[in-house]
Amino acid sequence: MNILFICKHNRFRSKVAEALFRHYYKGDSVKVRSAGTIVDLMHPYVSRAVHAVLRERDVSLRDDGAVKLDSFMLKWADKIVIVADNVSPDMFQGREMIGSKPVVFWPIGDASEIDVEGIRRRVSDIDVRVLELVKGLT
């Protein structure tokens, strides 16, 4: 199974979901990736604060820069998880490459890269949802 996590810019929420999934899921039958609907070329990397909050949880985040969502990723994915309150699941309705694939919506707000407490709250919210997802797979 292939799971694709999507947020707006692929520099916080979807990257965190991908990192947490890799941290918790110990099998090899599920592959995960993350992408954003828009890439912010002025800020293409995950902030230091997000890295620090994940380190507090002993979670490493592979930051290879923001990745823009494309049709190849949508075809690759068996399940799509939108990890953002500013990306509408409606944008995926009727798209040929989606077909009957499940699209899950986690309405998680963004946080300023200097709002460490806001980042912690959102990481905690994503963590709970990723754990539920992983438990559902095993």
C-alpha atoms as a PDB file:
ATOM      1  CA  MET A   1       0.000   0.000   0.000  1.00  0.00           C
ATOM      2  CA  ASN A   2       1.163   3.546  -0.775  1.00  0.00           C
ATOM      3  CA  ILE A   3       0.011   6.477   1.380  1.00  0.00           C
ATOM      4  CA  LEU A   4       0.408  10.091   0.295  1.00  0.00           C
ATOM      5  CA  PHE A   5       0.212  12.877   2.910  1.00  0.00           C
ATOM      6  CA  ILE A   6      -0.715  16.280   1.467  1.00  0.00           C
ATOM      7  CA  CYS A   7      -0.701  19.791   2.921  1.00  0.00           C
ATOM      8  CA  LYS A   8      -0.491  23.211   1.325  1.00  0.00           C
ATOM      9  CA  HIS A   9       3.283  23.811   1.136  1.00  0.00           C
ATOM     10  CA  ASN A  10       4.859  20.452   2.152  1.00  0.00           C
ATOM     11  CA  ARG A  11       7.022  22.057   4.790  1.00  0.00           C
ATOM     12  CA  PHE A  12       5.231  21.251   8.027  1.00  0.00           C
ATOM     13  CA  ARG A  13       2.077  19.145   8.427  1.00  0.00           C
ATOM     14  CA  SER A  14       2.487  16.575   5.647  1.00  0.00           C
ATOM     15  CA  LYS A  15       6.223  16.256   6.363  1.00  0.00           C
ATOM     16  CA  VAL A  16       5.472  15.665  10.056  1.00  0.00           C
ATOM     17  CA  ALA A  17       2.829  13.046   9.209  1.00  0.00           C
ATOM     18  CA  GLU A  18       5.300  11.259   6.933  1.00  0.00           C
ATOM     19  CA  ALA A  19       8.047  11.346   9.592  1.00  0.00           C
ATOM     20  CA  LEU A  20       5.735  10.107  12.347  1.00  0.00           C
ATOM     21  CA  PHE A  21       4.420   7.315  10.143  1.00  0.00           C
ATOM     22  CA  ARG A  22       7.967   6.178   9.369  1.00  0.00           C
ATOM     23  CA  HIS A  23       8.744   6.337  13.092  1.00  0.00           C
ATOM     24  CA  TYR A  24       5.784   4.175  14.156  1.00  0.00           C
ATOM     25  CA  TYR A  25       5.295   1.788  11.253  1.00  0.00           C
ATOM     26  CA  LYS A  26       7.883  -0.975  11.366  1.00  0.00           C
ATOM     27  CA  GLY A  27       6.664  -3.053   8.427  1.00  0.00           C
ATOM     28  CA  ASP A  28       7.729  -2.879   4.824  1.00  0.00           C
ATOM     29  CA  SER A  29       4.381  -3.350   3.086  1.00  0.00           C
ATOM     30  CA  VAL A  30       3.403   0.350   3.309  1.00  0.00           C
ATOM     31  CA  LYS A  31       5.293   3.173   1.621  1.00  0.00           C
ATOM     32  CA  VAL A  32       4.676   6.845   2.418  1.00  0.00           C
ATOM     33  CA  ARG A  33       5.435  10.141   0.740  1.00  0.00           C
ATOM     34  CA  SER A  34       4.349  13.726   1.250  1.00  0.00           C
ATOM     35  CA  ALA A  35       3.655  16.643  -1.056  1.00  0.00           C
ATOM     36  CA  GLY A  36       2.156  20.115  -1.136  1.00  0.00           C
ATOM     37  CA  THR A  37      -0.387  21.653  -3.462  1.00  0.00           C
ATOM     38  CA  ILE A  38       1.789  24.772  -3.746  1.00  0.00           C
ATOM     39  CA  VAL A  39       5.528  25.072  -3.172  1.00  0.00           C
ATOM     40  CA  ASP A  40       6.655  28.271  -1.452  1.00  0.00           C
ATOM     41  CA  LEU A  41       9.977  28.924  -3.187  1.00  0.00           C
ATOM     42  CA  MET A  42      10.903  31.520  -0.547  1.00  0.00           C
ATOM     43  CA  HIS A  43      10.576  28.902   2.226  1.00  0.00           C
ATOM     44  CA  PRO A  44      11.057  25.431   0.728  1.00  0.00           C
ATOM     45  CA  TYR A  45      12.385  23.687   3.864  1.00  0.00           C
ATOM     46  CA  VAL A  46      10.994  22.659   7.234  1.00  0.00           C
ATOM     47  CA  SER A  47      11.716  25.188   9.994  1.00  0.00           C
ATOM     48  CA  ARG A  48      14.202  24.555  12.776  1.00  0.00           C
ATOM     49  CA  ALA A  49      11.377  24.708  15.310  1.00  0.00           C
ATOM     50  CA  VAL A  50       9.569  21.779  13.664  1.00  0.00           C
ATOM     51  CA  HIS A  51      12.793  19.764  13.629  1.00  0.00           C
ATOM     52  CA  ALA A  52      13.319  20.612  17.325  1.00  0.00           C
ATOM     53  CA  VAL A  53       9.787  19.567  18.320  1.00  0.00           C
ATOM     54  CA  LEU A  54      10.208  16.247  16.515  1.00  0.00           C
ATOM     55  CA  ARG A  55      13.608  15.694  18.154  1.00  0.00           C
ATOM     56  CA  GLU A  56      11.871  16.075  21.527  1.00  0.00           C
ATOM     57  CA  ARG A  57       9.919  12.958  20.487  1.00  0.00           C
ATOM     58  CA  ASP A  58      13.012  11.172  19.119  1.00  0.00           C
ATOM     59  CA  VAL A  59      11.582  11.418  15.613  1.00  0.00           C
ATOM     60  CA  SER A  60      13.800  12.310  12.698  1.00  0.00           C
ATOM     61  CA  LEU A  61      12.484  14.174   9.704  1.00  0.00           C
ATOM     62  CA  ARG A  62      14.055  13.755   6.308  1.00  0.00           C
ATOM     63  CA  ASP A  63      13.934  17.249   4.846  1.00  0.00           C
ATOM     64  CA  ASP A  64      14.691  17.031   1.164  1.00  0.00           C
ATOM     65  CA  GLY A  65      12.843  20.238   0.416  1.00  0.00           C
ATOM     66  CA  ALA A  66       9.226  20.837  -0.482  1.00  0.00           C
ATOM     67  CA  VAL A  67       7.734  18.577  -3.127  1.00  0.00           C
ATOM     68  CA  LYS A  68       4.874  19.746  -5.345  1.00  0.00           C
ATOM     69  CA  LEU A  69       1.948  17.394  -5.767  1.00  0.00           C
ATOM     70  CA  ASP A  70       1.677  15.981  -9.276  1.00  0.00           C
ATOM     71  CA  SER A  71      -0.387  13.423 -11.163  1.00  0.00           C
ATOM     72  CA  PHE A  72       2.301  10.728 -10.817  1.00  0.00           C
ATOM     73  CA  MET A  73       2.058  10.902  -7.016  1.00  0.00           C
ATOM     74  CA  LEU A  74      -1.722  10.747  -7.157  1.00  0.00           C
ATOM     75  CA  LYS A  75      -1.521   7.653  -9.372  1.00  0.00           C
ATOM     76  CA  TRP A  76       1.110   6.101  -7.062  1.00  0.00           C
ATOM     77  CA  ALA A  77      -1.005   6.566  -3.936  1.00  0.00           C
ATOM     78  CA  ASP A  78      -3.500   3.961  -2.783  1.00  0.00           C
ATOM     79  CA  LYS A  79      -4.673   6.253   0.004  1.00  0.00           C
ATOM     80  CA  ILE A  80      -4.492  10.043   0.243  1.00  0.00           C
ATOM     81  CA  VAL A  81      -4.433  11.859   3.581  1.00  0.00           C
ATOM     82  CA  ILE A  82      -4.923  15.628   3.540  1.00  0.00           C
ATOM     83  CA  VAL A  83      -3.201  17.003   6.649  1.00  0.00           C
ATOM     84  CA  ALA A  84      -4.428  20.589   6.395  1.00  0.00           C
ATOM     85  CA  ASP A  85      -7.437  22.751   7.009  1.00  0.00           C
ATOM     86  CA  ASN A  86      -6.538  24.960   4.019  1.00  0.00           C
ATOM     87  CA  VAL A  87      -6.568  22.225   1.341  1.00  0.00           C
ATOM     88  CA  SER A  88     -10.062  21.159   0.348  1.00  0.00           C
ATOM     89  CA  PRO A  89     -10.747  17.473  -0.271  1.00  0.00           C
ATOM     90  CA  ASP A  90     -13.118  18.691  -3.005  1.00  0.00           C
ATOM     91  CA  MET A  91     -10.121  19.477  -5.200  1.00  0.00           C
ATOM     92  CA  PHE A  92      -9.650  15.719  -5.639  1.00  0.00           C
ATOM     93  CA  GLN A  93     -13.251  14.837  -6.512  1.00  0.00           C
ATOM     94  CA  GLY A  94     -13.740  13.667 -10.061  1.00  0.00           C
ATOM     95  CA  ARG A  95     -10.032  13.560 -10.873  1.00  0.00           C
ATOM     96  CA  GLU A  96      -9.311  10.643 -13.141  1.00  0.00           C
ATOM     97  CA  MET A  97      -6.133   9.575 -11.323  1.00  0.00           C
ATOM     98  CA  ILE A  98      -7.960   9.390  -7.983  1.00  0.00           C
ATOM     99  CA  GLY A  99     -10.789   7.098  -9.051  1.00  0.00           C
ATOM    100  CA  SER A 100     -12.157   5.314  -6.001  1.00  0.00           C
ATOM    101  CA  LYS A 101      -9.074   5.808  -3.812  1.00  0.00           C
ATOM    102  CA  PRO A 102      -9.907   6.864  -0.287  1.00  0.00           C
ATOM    103  CA  VAL A 103      -9.206  10.508   0.549  1.00  0.00           C
ATOM    104  CA  VAL A 104      -9.002  11.157   4.299  1.00  0.00           C
ATOM    105  CA  PHE A 105      -9.242  14.709   5.642  1.00  0.00           C
ATOM    106  CA  TRP A 106      -7.445  15.778   8.843  1.00  0.00           C
ATOM    107  CA  PRO A 107      -8.337  19.496   9.274  1.00  0.00           C
ATOM    108  CA  ILE A 108      -5.152  20.632  11.000  1.00  0.00           C
ATOM    109  CA  GLY A 109      -4.269  24.311  10.952  1.00  0.00           C
ATOM    110  CA  ASP A 110      -0.892  25.722  10.047  1.00  0.00           C
ATOM    111  CA  ALA A 111       1.405  27.402  12.576  1.00  0.00           C
ATOM    112  CA  SER A 112       3.983  30.127  12.320  1.00  0.00           C
ATOM    113  CA  GLU A 113       7.513  28.771  12.281  1.00  0.00           C
ATOM    114  CA  ILE A 114       8.274  30.846  15.386  1.00  0.00           C
ATOM    115  CA  ASP A 115       5.216  29.590  17.342  1.00  0.00           C
ATOM    116  CA  VAL A 116       6.842  26.597  19.059  1.00  0.00           C
ATOM    117  CA  GLU A 117       3.826  25.874  21.280  1.00  0.00           C
ATOM    118  CA  GLY A 118       1.515  25.996  18.268  1.00  0.00           C
ATOM    119  CA  ILE A 119       3.828  23.608  16.445  1.00  0.00           C
ATOM    120  CA  ARG A 120       3.838  21.256  19.461  1.00  0.00           C
ATOM    121  CA  ARG A 121       0.014  21.222  19.583  1.00  0.00           C
ATOM    122  CA  ARG A 122      -0.266  20.444  15.889  1.00  0.00           C
ATOM    123  CA  VAL A 123       2.440  17.777  16.030  1.00  0.00           C
ATOM    124  CA  SER A 124       0.538  16.165  18.914  1.00  0.00           C
ATOM    125  CA  ASP A 125      -2.682  16.215  16.889  1.00  0.00           C
ATOM    126  CA  ILE A 126      -0.950  14.687  13.863  1.00  0.00           C
ATOM    127  CA  ASP A 127       0.742  12.131  16.132  1.00  0.00           C
ATOM    128  CA  VAL A 128      -2.596  10.841  17.472  1.00  0.00           C
ATOM    129  CA  ARG A 129      -4.012  10.505  13.957  1.00  0.00           C
ATOM    130  CA  VAL A 130      -0.912   8.790  12.571  1.00  0.00           C
ATOM    131  CA  LEU A 131      -0.955   6.300  15.452  1.00  0.00           C
ATOM    132  CA  GLU A 132      -4.606   5.486  14.662  1.00  0.00           C
ATOM    133  CA  LEU A 133      -3.697   5.043  11.002  1.00  0.00           C
ATOM    134  CA  VAL A 134      -0.797   2.721  11.821  1.00  0.00           C
ATOM    135  CA  LYS A 135      -2.933   0.668  14.238  1.00  0.00           C
ATOM    136  CA  GLY A 136      -5.549   0.288  11.503  1.00  0.00           C
ATOM    137  CA  LEU A 137      -2.932  -1.217   9.193  1.00  0.00           C
ATOM    138  CA  THR A 138      -1.577  -3.821  11.595  1.00  0.00           C
END
